[in-house]
């Protein structure tokens, strides 16, 4: 893999102009051609769960943190401590922006736009680290930042910072190519454990999904060497990070007891809200083209479990990329079988 440090030096112009381009384009796509007039007074989200996010962010800005608020629920104090939160750095970034700018709305909208830029940069660095050409990495990263999912999940604003995906994939490659004859606990590897510790602070969902990738990596390592130390170290780092995120909730429950009426999930809900492969290829419900929108409506009207899992739609470019990737993977497997048999 190419060094990230060298990529930052050699590709600084691609990163700079790409960040400017994706920042301006995403601003226009979210706020329209008059985006520069809206960013201080109109939030990028004002519907669905987005309103709950606005409430929580106001709580985090007014108080020490998001958990308690004197105004909400007056004359009593509103307390959300018993609700697990694994978005510490997301809240912290917006809180810092708000104190610097004095405007929560402006900070939220900056957070939205900054998400596109961060996603572009991390994906570009990943592709270049994997020795993809600069132009291909540039185009691919722009497309990745603009996938349909990004816009479909605006109401769940913390989901829009899915830069953690490329970050985890980068670590996967490092793990798979790690020389197990070397020591794990050395200064050069410390930064990767810091990455693993910090990434869960940008959302527990992405962290839990990343565990599937880690399992795959460690299966490969186990087949090669039968060693478990690297697996244990990485998983311990992730678990410790998640525990740190929900430590206030753990302490609250220990002190006050468990509230069985708070955020209870039934086992059947894992099927109700589950991800379906077919939903990747179904067009978004708000598609600009009538035929695609009609296809989406037809599919979800016939579906038994249609809900917000419809936001899994990848969009046509990403679907093409997924098909090509799977085709190349199968082609490589078949070629290896032919070479081995020969």
C-alpha atoms as a PDB file:
ATOM      1  CA  UNK A   1       0.000   0.000   0.000  1.00  0.00           C
ATOM      2  CA  UNK A   2       1.075   3.568  -0.674  1.00  0.00           C
ATOM      3  CA  UNK A   3       1.893   5.672   2.364  1.00  0.00           C
ATOM      4  CA  UNK A   4      -0.831   8.130   3.425  1.00  0.00           C
ATOM      5  CA  UNK A   5       1.868  10.669   4.249  1.00  0.00           C
ATOM      6  CA  UNK A   6       3.285  10.476   0.722  1.00  0.00           C
ATOM      7  CA  UNK A   7      -0.211  10.701  -0.816  1.00  0.00           C
ATOM      8  CA  UNK A   8      -0.947  13.886   1.146  1.00  0.00           C
ATOM      9  CA  UNK A   9       2.215  15.412  -0.288  1.00  0.00           C
ATOM     10  CA  UNK A  10       1.918  14.240  -3.884  1.00  0.00           C
ATOM     11  CA  UNK A  11      -1.865  14.646  -4.296  1.00  0.00           C
ATOM     12  CA  UNK A  12      -2.472  17.806  -2.308  1.00  0.00           C
ATOM     13  CA  UNK A  13      -3.970  19.627  -5.314  1.00  0.00           C
ATOM     14  CA  UNK A  14      -6.410  16.791  -6.046  1.00  0.00           C
ATOM     15  CA  UNK A  15      -7.470  16.833  -2.396  1.00  0.00           C
ATOM     16  CA  UNK A  16      -7.743  20.636  -2.230  1.00  0.00           C
ATOM     17  CA  UNK A  17      -9.718  21.239  -5.416  1.00  0.00           C
ATOM     18  CA  UNK A  18     -11.799  18.099  -4.853  1.00  0.00           C
ATOM     19  CA  UNK A  19     -12.770  19.331  -1.384  1.00  0.00           C
ATOM     20  CA  UNK A  20     -13.753  22.761  -2.754  1.00  0.00           C
ATOM     21  CA  UNK A  21     -15.763  21.185  -5.571  1.00  0.00           C
ATOM     22  CA  UNK A  22     -17.650  18.673  -3.412  1.00  0.00           C
ATOM     23  CA  UNK A  23     -18.280  21.348  -0.757  1.00  0.00           C
ATOM     24  CA  UNK A  24     -19.872  23.761  -3.233  1.00  0.00           C
ATOM     25  CA  UNK A  25     -21.796  21.059  -5.089  1.00  0.00           C
ATOM     26  CA  UNK A  26     -23.244  19.540  -1.902  1.00  0.00           C
ATOM     27  CA  UNK A  27     -24.251  23.021  -0.672  1.00  0.00           C
ATOM     28  CA  UNK A  28     -26.212  23.638  -3.867  1.00  0.00           C
ATOM     29  CA  UNK A  29     -27.792  20.167  -3.805  1.00  0.00           C
ATOM     30  CA  UNK A  30     -29.011  20.591  -0.214  1.00  0.00           C
ATOM     31  CA  UNK A  31     -29.853  24.302  -0.047  1.00  0.00           C
ATOM     32  CA  UNK A  32     -30.373  25.237  -3.697  1.00  0.00           C
ATOM     33  CA  UNK A  33     -28.742  27.943  -5.788  1.00  0.00           C
ATOM     34  CA  UNK A  34     -29.191  30.502  -2.996  1.00  0.00           C
ATOM     35  CA  UNK A  35     -27.414  28.301  -0.451  1.00  0.00           C
ATOM     36  CA  UNK A  36     -25.250  31.214   0.758  1.00  0.00           C
ATOM     37  CA  UNK A  37     -28.400  32.982   2.019  1.00  0.00           C
ATOM     38  CA  UNK A  38     -29.839  29.986   3.833  1.00  0.00           C
ATOM     39  CA  UNK A  39     -26.986  28.580   5.851  1.00  0.00           C
ATOM     40  CA  UNK A  40     -27.489  30.857   8.855  1.00  0.00           C
ATOM     41  CA  UNK A  41     -31.270  30.613   9.245  1.00  0.00           C
ATOM     42  CA  UNK A  42     -32.598  27.403   7.693  1.00  0.00           C
ATOM     43  CA  UNK A  43     -31.440  23.978   8.952  1.00  0.00           C
ATOM     44  CA  UNK A  44     -30.600  21.332   6.371  1.00  0.00           C
ATOM     45  CA  UNK A  45     -33.112  19.050   8.084  1.00  0.00           C
ATOM     46  CA  UNK A  46     -36.490  19.871   9.565  1.00  0.00           C
ATOM     47  CA  UNK A  47     -38.478  16.660   9.255  1.00  0.00           C
ATOM     48  CA  UNK A  48     -38.749  13.188  10.770  1.00  0.00           C
ATOM     49  CA  UNK A  49     -36.023  12.172  13.189  1.00  0.00           C
ATOM     50  CA  UNK A  50     -34.075  15.244  12.109  1.00  0.00           C
ATOM     51  CA  UNK A  51     -36.183  17.282  14.549  1.00  0.00           C
ATOM     52  CA  UNK A  52     -35.094  14.990  17.389  1.00  0.00           C
ATOM     53  CA  UNK A  53     -31.472  15.561  16.372  1.00  0.00           C
ATOM     54  CA  UNK A  54     -32.028  19.321  16.451  1.00  0.00           C
ATOM     55  CA  UNK A  55     -33.440  19.000  19.974  1.00  0.00           C
ATOM     56  CA  UNK A  56     -30.482  16.931  21.164  1.00  0.00           C
ATOM     57  CA  UNK A  57     -27.978  19.303  19.623  1.00  0.00           C
ATOM     58  CA  UNK A  58     -29.675  22.263  21.295  1.00  0.00           C
ATOM     59  CA  UNK A  59     -29.451  20.363  24.596  1.00  0.00           C
ATOM     60  CA  UNK A  60     -25.749  19.698  24.039  1.00  0.00           C
ATOM     61  CA  UNK A  61     -25.128  23.366  23.242  1.00  0.00           C
ATOM     62  CA  UNK A  62     -27.056  24.783  26.199  1.00  0.00           C
ATOM     63  CA  UNK A  63     -25.763  22.388  28.829  1.00  0.00           C
ATOM     64  CA  UNK A  64     -22.610  20.505  29.660  1.00  0.00           C
ATOM     65  CA  UNK A  65     -23.744  17.727  27.335  1.00  0.00           C
ATOM     66  CA  UNK A  66     -26.762  16.188  25.599  1.00  0.00           C
ATOM     67  CA  UNK A  67     -27.946  14.154  28.598  1.00  0.00           C
ATOM     68  CA  UNK A  68     -29.663  16.775  30.775  1.00  0.00           C
ATOM     69  CA  UNK A  69     -31.546  20.025  30.121  1.00  0.00           C
ATOM     70  CA  UNK A  70     -33.254  22.415  32.547  1.00  0.00           C
ATOM     71  CA  UNK A  71     -35.688  23.952  30.037  1.00  0.00           C
ATOM     72  CA  UNK A  72     -36.989  20.771  28.418  1.00  0.00           C
ATOM     73  CA  UNK A  73     -39.598  19.186  30.682  1.00  0.00           C
ATOM     74  CA  UNK A  74     -39.766  22.223  32.982  1.00  0.00           C
ATOM     75  CA  UNK A  75     -40.247  22.419  35.969  1.00  0.00           C
ATOM     76  CA  UNK A  76     -38.405  19.107  36.110  1.00  0.00           C
ATOM     77  CA  UNK A  77     -35.036  18.371  34.525  1.00  0.00           C
ATOM     78  CA  UNK A  78     -35.152  16.348  31.326  1.00  0.00           C
ATOM     79  CA  UNK A  79     -32.657  13.471  31.540  1.00  0.00           C
ATOM     80  CA  UNK A  80     -31.607  11.307  28.567  1.00  0.00           C
ATOM     81  CA  UNK A  81     -28.739   9.598  30.352  1.00  0.00           C
ATOM     82  CA  UNK A  82     -30.446   6.207  30.297  1.00  0.00           C
ATOM     83  CA  UNK A  83     -30.459   6.338  26.472  1.00  0.00           C
ATOM     84  CA  UNK A  84     -27.136   4.981  25.104  1.00  0.00           C
ATOM     85  CA  UNK A  85     -25.191   7.454  22.958  1.00  0.00           C
ATOM     86  CA  UNK A  86     -22.250   6.396  20.772  1.00  0.00           C
ATOM     87  CA  UNK A  87     -21.749   9.672  18.918  1.00  0.00           C
ATOM     88  CA  UNK A  88     -19.490  11.566  21.264  1.00  0.00           C
ATOM     89  CA  UNK A  89     -17.270  13.100  18.576  1.00  0.00           C
ATOM     90  CA  UNK A  90     -20.236  14.000  16.351  1.00  0.00           C
ATOM     91  CA  UNK A  91     -21.802  15.995  19.175  1.00  0.00           C
ATOM     92  CA  UNK A  92     -18.447  17.459  20.158  1.00  0.00           C
ATOM     93  CA  UNK A  93     -17.696  18.737  16.639  1.00  0.00           C
ATOM     94  CA  UNK A  94     -21.042  20.534  16.381  1.00  0.00           C
ATOM     95  CA  UNK A  95     -20.744  21.865  19.935  1.00  0.00           C
ATOM     96  CA  UNK A  96     -17.335  23.355  19.115  1.00  0.00           C
ATOM     97  CA  UNK A  97     -18.656  24.859  15.865  1.00  0.00           C
ATOM     98  CA  UNK A  98     -21.617  26.360  17.715  1.00  0.00           C
ATOM     99  CA  UNK A  99     -19.453  28.004  20.375  1.00  0.00           C
ATOM    100  CA  UNK A 100     -17.158  29.384  17.660  1.00  0.00           C
ATOM    101  CA  UNK A 101     -19.941  30.710  15.405  1.00  0.00           C
ATOM    102  CA  UNK A 102     -22.667  31.445  17.952  1.00  0.00           C
ATOM    103  CA  UNK A 103     -25.263  29.773  15.698  1.00  0.00           C
ATOM    104  CA  UNK A 104     -26.477  26.206  16.091  1.00  0.00           C
ATOM    105  CA  UNK A 105     -28.227  26.257  12.679  1.00  0.00           C
ATOM    106  CA  UNK A 106     -25.101  27.452  10.912  1.00  0.00           C
ATOM    107  CA  UNK A 107     -23.004  24.817  12.707  1.00  0.00           C
ATOM    108  CA  UNK A 108     -25.387  22.006  11.745  1.00  0.00           C
ATOM    109  CA  UNK A 109     -25.326  23.048   8.095  1.00  0.00           C
ATOM    110  CA  UNK A 110     -21.537  23.319   8.127  1.00  0.00           C
ATOM    111  CA  UNK A 111     -21.483  19.810   9.612  1.00  0.00           C
ATOM    112  CA  UNK A 112     -23.586  18.537   6.691  1.00  0.00           C
ATOM    113  CA  UNK A 113     -21.267  20.070   4.082  1.00  0.00           C
ATOM    114  CA  UNK A 114     -18.126  19.073   5.938  1.00  0.00           C
ATOM    115  CA  UNK A 115     -19.397  15.480   5.888  1.00  0.00           C
ATOM    116  CA  UNK A 116     -19.199  15.401   2.082  1.00  0.00           C
ATOM    117  CA  UNK A 117     -15.659  16.772   2.192  1.00  0.00           C
ATOM    118  CA  UNK A 118     -14.426  14.353   4.855  1.00  0.00           C
ATOM    119  CA  UNK A 119     -15.935  11.404   2.973  1.00  0.00           C
ATOM    120  CA  UNK A 120     -14.269  12.529  -0.262  1.00  0.00           C
ATOM    121  CA  UNK A 121     -10.871  12.888   1.411  1.00  0.00           C
ATOM    122  CA  UNK A 122     -10.900   9.583   3.302  1.00  0.00           C
ATOM    123  CA  UNK A 123     -12.109   7.608   0.300  1.00  0.00           C
ATOM    124  CA  UNK A 124      -9.545   9.293  -1.958  1.00  0.00           C
ATOM    125  CA  UNK A 125      -6.755   8.431   0.471  1.00  0.00           C
ATOM    126  CA  UNK A 126      -7.965   4.821   0.637  1.00  0.00           C
ATOM    127  CA  UNK A 127      -8.073   4.399  -3.144  1.00  0.00           C
ATOM    128  CA  UNK A 128      -4.670   5.992  -3.614  1.00  0.00           C
ATOM    129  CA  UNK A 129      -3.257   3.822  -0.816  1.00  0.00           C
ATOM    130  CA  UNK A 130      -4.520   0.827  -2.807  1.00  0.00           C
ATOM    131  CA  UNK A 131      -2.560   2.180  -5.819  1.00  0.00           C
ATOM    132  CA  UNK A 132      -5.572   3.386  -7.802  1.00  0.00           C
ATOM    133  CA  UNK A 133      -4.700   6.197 -10.216  1.00  0.00           C
ATOM    134  CA  UNK A 134      -5.252   9.790  -9.086  1.00  0.00           C
ATOM    135  CA  UNK A 135      -7.969  10.524 -11.646  1.00  0.00           C
ATOM    136  CA  UNK A 136      -9.887   7.309 -10.939  1.00  0.00           C
ATOM    137  CA  UNK A 137      -9.605   7.897  -7.188  1.00  0.00           C
ATOM    138  CA  UNK A 138     -10.839  11.467  -7.648  1.00  0.00           C
ATOM    139  CA  UNK A 139     -13.908  10.488  -9.688  1.00  0.00           C
ATOM    140  CA  UNK A 140     -14.674   7.479  -7.508  1.00  0.00           C
ATOM    141  CA  UNK A 141     -14.474   9.518  -4.308  1.00  0.00           C
ATOM    142  CA  UNK A 142     -16.763  12.221  -5.685  1.00  0.00           C
ATOM    143  CA  UNK A 143     -19.313   9.534  -6.604  1.00  0.00           C
ATOM    144  CA  UNK A 144     -18.954   7.862  -3.201  1.00  0.00           C
ATOM    145  CA  UNK A 145     -19.641  11.133  -1.397  1.00  0.00           C
ATOM    146  CA  UNK A 146     -22.757  11.698  -3.522  1.00  0.00           C
ATOM    147  CA  UNK A 147     -24.399   8.267  -3.257  1.00  0.00           C
ATOM    148  CA  UNK A 148     -28.166   8.249  -2.771  1.00  0.00           C
ATOM    149  CA  UNK A 149     -27.785   7.008   0.806  1.00  0.00           C
ATOM    150  CA  UNK A 150     -26.123  10.271   1.789  1.00  0.00           C
ATOM    151  CA  UNK A 151     -29.191  12.330   0.887  1.00  0.00           C
ATOM    152  CA  UNK A 152     -31.736   9.751   2.028  1.00  0.00           C
ATOM    153  CA  UNK A 153     -30.258   9.781   5.535  1.00  0.00           C
ATOM    154  CA  UNK A 154     -30.050  13.522   6.085  1.00  0.00           C
ATOM    155  CA  UNK A 155     -32.673  13.257   8.828  1.00  0.00           C
ATOM    156  CA  UNK A 156     -30.302  10.885  10.675  1.00  0.00           C
ATOM    157  CA  UNK A 157     -27.532  13.398  10.334  1.00  0.00           C
ATOM    158  CA  UNK A 158     -24.810  11.442  12.126  1.00  0.00           C
ATOM    159  CA  UNK A 159     -25.187   8.667   9.544  1.00  0.00           C
ATOM    160  CA  UNK A 160     -24.061  11.122   6.875  1.00  0.00           C
ATOM    161  CA  UNK A 161     -20.493  10.957   8.194  1.00  0.00           C
ATOM    162  CA  UNK A 162     -19.875   7.518   6.765  1.00  0.00           C
ATOM    163  CA  UNK A 163     -16.206   8.276   6.178  1.00  0.00           C
ATOM    164  CA  UNK A 164     -15.627   5.558   8.769  1.00  0.00           C
ATOM    165  CA  UNK A 165     -16.296   3.003   6.004  1.00  0.00           C
ATOM    166  CA  UNK A 166     -13.094   3.771   4.041  1.00  0.00           C
ATOM    167  CA  UNK A 167     -11.233   4.162   7.341  1.00  0.00           C
ATOM    168  CA  UNK A 168     -12.196   0.651   8.455  1.00  0.00           C
ATOM    169  CA  UNK A 169     -11.362  -0.794   5.014  1.00  0.00           C
ATOM    170  CA  UNK A 170      -7.907   0.784   5.235  1.00  0.00           C
ATOM    171  CA  UNK A 171      -7.375  -0.945   8.573  1.00  0.00           C
ATOM    172  CA  UNK A 172      -8.630  -4.246   7.103  1.00  0.00           C
ATOM    173  CA  UNK A 173      -5.919  -4.127   4.454  1.00  0.00           C
ATOM    174  CA  UNK A 174      -3.310  -3.319   7.077  1.00  0.00           C
ATOM    175  CA  UNK A 175      -4.446  -6.279   9.161  1.00  0.00           C
ATOM    176  CA  UNK A 176      -4.517  -8.762   6.281  1.00  0.00           C
ATOM    177  CA  UNK A 177      -1.018  -7.710   5.180  1.00  0.00           C
ATOM    178  CA  UNK A 178       0.397  -7.528   8.687  1.00  0.00           C
ATOM    179  CA  UNK A 179       3.568  -9.536   9.191  1.00  0.00           C
ATOM    180  CA  UNK A 180       2.728 -11.671  12.223  1.00  0.00           C
ATOM    181  CA  UNK A 181       6.412 -12.458  12.737  1.00  0.00           C
ATOM    182  CA  UNK A 182       6.814  -8.849  13.928  1.00  0.00           C
ATOM    183  CA  UNK A 183       5.703  -7.468  17.276  1.00  0.00           C
ATOM    184  CA  UNK A 184       2.214  -5.963  17.421  1.00  0.00           C
ATOM    185  CA  UNK A 185       2.796  -3.526  20.282  1.00  0.00           C
ATOM    186  CA  UNK A 186       5.293  -1.141  18.757  1.00  0.00           C
ATOM    187  CA  UNK A 187       5.228   2.624  18.279  1.00  0.00           C
ATOM    188  CA  UNK A 188       4.594   2.369  14.514  1.00  0.00           C
ATOM    189  CA  UNK A 189       1.331   0.462  15.107  1.00  0.00           C
ATOM    190  CA  UNK A 190       0.065   2.772  17.854  1.00  0.00           C
ATOM    191  CA  UNK A 191      -1.707   5.083  15.396  1.00  0.00           C
ATOM    192  CA  UNK A 192      -3.853   2.226  14.080  1.00  0.00           C
ATOM    193  CA  UNK A 193      -5.059   1.360  17.556  1.00  0.00           C
ATOM    194  CA  UNK A 194      -5.850   5.058  18.085  1.00  0.00           C
ATOM    195  CA  UNK A 195      -7.919   4.956  14.874  1.00  0.00           C
ATOM    196  CA  UNK A 196      -9.749   1.864  16.125  1.00  0.00           C
ATOM    197  CA  UNK A 197     -10.437   3.577  19.439  1.00  0.00           C
ATOM    198  CA  UNK A 198     -11.724   6.845  17.927  1.00  0.00           C
ATOM    199  CA  UNK A 199     -13.890   5.501  15.066  1.00  0.00           C
ATOM    200  CA  UNK A 200     -16.667   4.137  17.366  1.00  0.00           C
ATOM    201  CA  UNK A 201     -17.089   7.700  18.672  1.00  0.00           C
ATOM    202  CA  UNK A 202     -18.663   8.498  15.282  1.00  0.00           C
ATOM    203  CA  UNK A 203     -21.500   6.007  15.722  1.00  0.00           C
ATOM    204  CA  UNK A 204     -22.093   2.552  17.126  1.00  0.00           C
ATOM    205  CA  UNK A 205     -23.941   1.291  14.046  1.00  0.00           C
ATOM    206  CA  UNK A 206     -20.960   1.602  11.734  1.00  0.00           C
ATOM    207  CA  UNK A 207     -18.737   0.058  14.386  1.00  0.00           C
ATOM    208  CA  UNK A 208     -20.984  -2.992  14.735  1.00  0.00           C
ATOM    209  CA  UNK A 209     -21.119  -3.385  10.942  1.00  0.00           C
ATOM    210  CA  UNK A 210     -17.324  -3.156  10.815  1.00  0.00           C
ATOM    211  CA  UNK A 211     -17.068  -6.254  12.995  1.00  0.00           C
ATOM    212  CA  UNK A 212     -18.162  -8.375  10.015  1.00  0.00           C
ATOM    213  CA  UNK A 213     -15.108  -7.125   8.149  1.00  0.00           C
ATOM    214  CA  UNK A 214     -12.843  -7.844  11.097  1.00  0.00           C
ATOM    215  CA  UNK A 215     -14.203 -11.383  11.377  1.00  0.00           C
ATOM    216  CA  UNK A 216     -13.418 -11.930   7.684  1.00  0.00           C
ATOM    217  CA  UNK A 217      -9.886 -10.548   8.124  1.00  0.00           C
ATOM    218  CA  UNK A 218      -9.151 -12.683  11.126  1.00  0.00           C
ATOM    219  CA  UNK A 219     -10.461 -15.819   9.457  1.00  0.00           C
ATOM    220  CA  UNK A 220      -7.826 -15.232   6.785  1.00  0.00           C
ATOM    221  CA  UNK A 221      -5.163 -14.638   9.443  1.00  0.00           C
ATOM    222  CA  UNK A 222      -6.213 -17.731  11.388  1.00  0.00           C
ATOM    223  CA  UNK A 223      -5.969 -19.896   8.276  1.00  0.00           C
ATOM    224  CA  UNK A 224      -2.477 -18.516   7.641  1.00  0.00           C
ATOM    225  CA  UNK A 225      -0.991 -18.558  11.137  1.00  0.00           C
ATOM    226  CA  UNK A 226      -3.444 -19.804  13.798  1.00  0.00           C
ATOM    227  CA  UNK A 227      -2.638 -16.722  15.893  1.00  0.00           C
ATOM    228  CA  UNK A 228      -5.252 -14.796  17.873  1.00  0.00           C
ATOM    229  CA  UNK A 229      -3.311 -11.938  19.488  1.00  0.00           C
ATOM    230  CA  UNK A 230      -4.024  -9.418  16.719  1.00  0.00           C
ATOM    231  CA  UNK A 231      -7.728 -10.306  16.761  1.00  0.00           C
ATOM    232  CA  UNK A 232      -7.941  -9.990  20.543  1.00  0.00           C
ATOM    233  CA  UNK A 233      -6.125  -6.648  20.542  1.00  0.00           C
ATOM    234  CA  UNK A 234      -8.287  -5.044  17.836  1.00  0.00           C
ATOM    235  CA  UNK A 235     -11.581  -6.283  19.270  1.00  0.00           C
ATOM    236  CA  UNK A 236     -10.572  -5.221  22.781  1.00  0.00           C
ATOM    237  CA  UNK A 237      -9.795  -1.709  21.507  1.00  0.00           C
ATOM    238  CA  UNK A 238     -13.195  -1.453  19.814  1.00  0.00           C
ATOM    239  CA  UNK A 239     -15.097  -2.807  22.821  1.00  0.00           C
ATOM    240  CA  UNK A 240     -13.299  -0.447  25.207  1.00  0.00           C
ATOM    241  CA  UNK A 241     -14.177   2.476  22.939  1.00  0.00           C
ATOM    242  CA  UNK A 242     -17.861   1.513  22.860  1.00  0.00           C
ATOM    243  CA  UNK A 243     -17.903   1.110  26.652  1.00  0.00           C
ATOM    244  CA  UNK A 244     -16.365   4.569  27.086  1.00  0.00           C
ATOM    245  CA  UNK A 245     -19.152   6.001  24.896  1.00  0.00           C
ATOM    246  CA  UNK A 246     -21.963   4.431  26.914  1.00  0.00           C
ATOM    247  CA  UNK A 247     -20.268   4.668  30.308  1.00  0.00           C
ATOM    248  CA  UNK A 248     -22.663   7.424  31.520  1.00  0.00           C
ATOM    249  CA  UNK A 249     -25.626   5.172  30.667  1.00  0.00           C
ATOM    250  CA  UNK A 250     -24.036   2.175  32.388  1.00  0.00           C
ATOM    251  CA  UNK A 251     -23.457   4.240  35.528  1.00  0.00           C
ATOM    252  CA  UNK A 252     -26.978   5.691  35.412  1.00  0.00           C
ATOM    253  CA  UNK A 253     -28.559   2.239  35.150  1.00  0.00           C
ATOM    254  CA  UNK A 254     -26.304   0.933  37.937  1.00  0.00           C
ATOM    255  CA  UNK A 255     -27.388   3.800  40.178  1.00  0.00           C
ATOM    256  CA  UNK A 256     -31.096   4.047  39.282  1.00  0.00           C
ATOM    257  CA  UNK A 257     -32.025   0.650  37.864  1.00  0.00           C
ATOM    258  CA  UNK A 258     -33.081  -0.347  34.367  1.00  0.00           C
ATOM    259  CA  UNK A 259     -36.072   1.365  32.746  1.00  0.00           C
ATOM    260  CA  UNK A 260     -37.948  -1.303  30.778  1.00  0.00           C
ATOM    261  CA  UNK A 261     -40.066   1.321  29.018  1.00  0.00           C
ATOM    262  CA  UNK A 262     -37.078   3.037  27.411  1.00  0.00           C
ATOM    263  CA  UNK A 263     -36.043   2.024  23.881  1.00  0.00           C
ATOM    264  CA  UNK A 264     -37.085  -1.596  24.177  1.00  0.00           C
ATOM    265  CA  UNK A 265     -36.671  -3.615  20.995  1.00  0.00           C
ATOM    266  CA  UNK A 266     -38.488  -6.849  20.276  1.00  0.00           C
ATOM    267  CA  UNK A 267     -36.618  -9.771  18.637  1.00  0.00           C
ATOM    268  CA  UNK A 268     -38.968  -9.658  15.634  1.00  0.00           C
ATOM    269  CA  UNK A 269     -37.855  -6.090  14.906  1.00  0.00           C
ATOM    270  CA  UNK A 270     -34.501  -7.432  13.713  1.00  0.00           C
ATOM    271  CA  UNK A 271     -36.448  -8.901  10.782  1.00  0.00           C
ATOM    272  CA  UNK A 272     -38.855  -5.982  10.431  1.00  0.00           C
ATOM    273  CA  UNK A 273     -36.122  -3.372  10.000  1.00  0.00           C
ATOM    274  CA  UNK A 274     -33.516  -5.648   8.457  1.00  0.00           C
ATOM    275  CA  UNK A 275     -31.472  -4.879   5.383  1.00  0.00           C
ATOM    276  CA  UNK A 276     -32.480  -6.619   2.131  1.00  0.00           C
ATOM    277  CA  UNK A 277     -30.060  -7.108  -0.777  1.00  0.00           C
ATOM    278  CA  UNK A 278     -32.805  -6.233  -3.274  1.00  0.00           C
ATOM    279  CA  UNK A 279     -33.139  -2.785  -1.708  1.00  0.00           C
ATOM    280  CA  UNK A 280     -29.645  -1.882  -2.873  1.00  0.00           C
ATOM    281  CA  UNK A 281     -30.808  -1.981  -6.485  1.00  0.00           C
ATOM    282  CA  UNK A 282     -34.294  -0.492  -6.113  1.00  0.00           C
ATOM    283  CA  UNK A 283     -34.363   3.241  -7.043  1.00  0.00           C
ATOM    284  CA  UNK A 284     -34.928   5.801  -4.322  1.00  0.00           C
ATOM    285  CA  UNK A 285     -38.564   6.668  -3.618  1.00  0.00           C
ATOM    286  CA  UNK A 286     -38.017  10.342  -4.453  1.00  0.00           C
ATOM    287  CA  UNK A 287     -36.228   9.681  -7.739  1.00  0.00           C
ATOM    288  CA  UNK A 288     -36.302  12.529 -10.246  1.00  0.00           C
ATOM    289  CA  UNK A 289     -37.248  10.158 -13.100  1.00  0.00           C
ATOM    290  CA  UNK A 290     -40.894   9.071 -13.135  1.00  0.00           C
ATOM    291  CA  UNK A 291     -40.215   5.499 -14.293  1.00  0.00           C
ATOM    292  CA  UNK A 292     -37.689   4.873 -11.520  1.00  0.00           C
ATOM    293  CA  UNK A 293     -40.013   6.423  -8.951  1.00  0.00           C
ATOM    294  CA  UNK A 294     -42.895   4.228 -10.143  1.00  0.00           C
ATOM    295  CA  UNK A 295     -40.677   1.143  -9.923  1.00  0.00           C
ATOM    296  CA  UNK A 296     -39.778   2.025  -6.350  1.00  0.00           C
ATOM    297  CA  UNK A 297     -43.427   2.600  -5.406  1.00  0.00           C
ATOM    298  CA  UNK A 298     -44.454  -0.713  -6.983  1.00  0.00           C
ATOM    299  CA  UNK A 299     -41.754  -2.639  -5.121  1.00  0.00           C
ATOM    300  CA  UNK A 300     -42.455  -1.187  -1.687  1.00  0.00           C
ATOM    301  CA  UNK A 301     -46.224  -1.439  -2.022  1.00  0.00           C
ATOM    302  CA  UNK A 302     -45.755  -5.198  -2.501  1.00  0.00           C
ATOM    303  CA  UNK A 303     -43.132  -5.536   0.249  1.00  0.00           C
ATOM    304  CA  UNK A 304     -44.144  -6.826   3.667  1.00  0.00           C
ATOM    305  CA  UNK A 305     -41.365  -5.034   5.548  1.00  0.00           C
ATOM    306  CA  UNK A 306     -41.097  -1.613   3.904  1.00  0.00           C
ATOM    307  CA  UNK A 307     -39.900   1.162   6.191  1.00  0.00           C
ATOM    308  CA  UNK A 308     -36.816   3.345   6.485  1.00  0.00           C
ATOM    309  CA  UNK A 309     -34.714   0.428   5.255  1.00  0.00           C
ATOM    310  CA  UNK A 310     -35.691   1.772   1.818  1.00  0.00           C
ATOM    311  CA  UNK A 311     -32.827   4.247   2.250  1.00  0.00           C
ATOM    312  CA  UNK A 312     -30.404   1.412   1.413  1.00  0.00           C
ATOM    313  CA  UNK A 313     -30.765   2.344  -2.267  1.00  0.00           C
ATOM    314  CA  UNK A 314     -27.272   2.726  -3.751  1.00  0.00           C
ATOM    315  CA  UNK A 315     -28.040   4.603  -6.941  1.00  0.00           C
ATOM    316  CA  UNK A 316     -27.227   3.475 -10.471  1.00  0.00           C
ATOM    317  CA  UNK A 317     -23.497   4.306 -10.492  1.00  0.00           C
ATOM    318  CA  UNK A 318     -22.806   2.563  -7.206  1.00  0.00           C
ATOM    319  CA  UNK A 319     -24.863  -0.462  -8.287  1.00  0.00           C
ATOM    320  CA  UNK A 320     -22.763  -0.730 -11.450  1.00  0.00           C
ATOM    321  CA  UNK A 321     -19.617  -0.507  -9.335  1.00  0.00           C
ATOM    322  CA  UNK A 322     -20.870  -3.217  -6.987  1.00  0.00           C
ATOM    323  CA  UNK A 323     -21.671  -5.572  -9.882  1.00  0.00           C
ATOM    324  CA  UNK A 324     -18.237  -4.961 -11.423  1.00  0.00           C
ATOM    325  CA  UNK A 325     -16.521  -5.603  -8.081  1.00  0.00           C
ATOM    326  CA  UNK A 326     -18.381  -8.885  -7.528  1.00  0.00           C
ATOM    327  CA  UNK A 327     -17.686  -9.934 -11.127  1.00  0.00           C
ATOM    328  CA  UNK A 328     -13.965  -9.241 -10.722  1.00  0.00           C
ATOM    329  CA  UNK A 329     -13.896 -11.149  -7.439  1.00  0.00           C
ATOM    330  CA  UNK A 330     -15.546 -14.209  -9.011  1.00  0.00           C
ATOM    331  CA  UNK A 331     -13.293 -13.927 -12.055  1.00  0.00           C
ATOM    332  CA  UNK A 332     -10.172 -13.918  -9.864  1.00  0.00           C
ATOM    333  CA  UNK A 333     -11.409 -16.981  -7.951  1.00  0.00           C
ATOM    334  CA  UNK A 334     -12.093 -18.895 -11.192  1.00  0.00           C
ATOM    335  CA  UNK A 335      -8.714 -17.932 -12.648  1.00  0.00           C
ATOM    336  CA  UNK A 336      -6.929 -19.153  -9.528  1.00  0.00           C
ATOM    337  CA  UNK A 337      -8.754 -22.479  -9.759  1.00  0.00           C
ATOM    338  CA  UNK A 338      -7.707 -22.829 -13.404  1.00  0.00           C
ATOM    339  CA  UNK A 339      -4.090 -21.986 -12.576  1.00  0.00           C
ATOM    340  CA  UNK A 340      -4.030 -24.452  -9.673  1.00  0.00           C
ATOM    341  CA  UNK A 341      -5.539 -27.224 -11.778  1.00  0.00           C
ATOM    342  CA  UNK A 342      -3.036 -26.540 -14.550  1.00  0.00           C
END
